[in-house]
Amino acid sequence: MNDREKAKERTQMLKELREQHKDTVTNTQERLKTQKKIYRDINKIIKDEPKTVPEIAEAVGLPTYIVLWNLTALKKYGDVTEAGMNGEYFRYGLTEEKK
């Protein structure tokens, strides 16, 4: 089998795989789109002033556990930092690089 035949075979195999997993790809793309929207919404709320998880959750209209989960990811990637306390809650703000 020459290189051209191998390339055709590989192309056909990839086409079949894409078709088999079309639903998974579509679902994953939708989840990523939703996640990016949540990140944008959170960033918009904490851009000017750090806020607590309950404050952010109320502002974006999401449950606190979802906000905390996303803040944890944003913190992990260096987009968000803890900016002091408000009572017993941490306040979260954008890092200087993200402002």
Foldseek 3Di string as FASTA:
>chain_A
DDPVVVVVVVVVVVVVVCVVCVVVVVVVVVVVVVLVVLVVLLQVVQAPHWAFLVVSCVSVVHDSVVSVVSVVVCVVVQQKDFDDDDVPTTTIHGDPVND
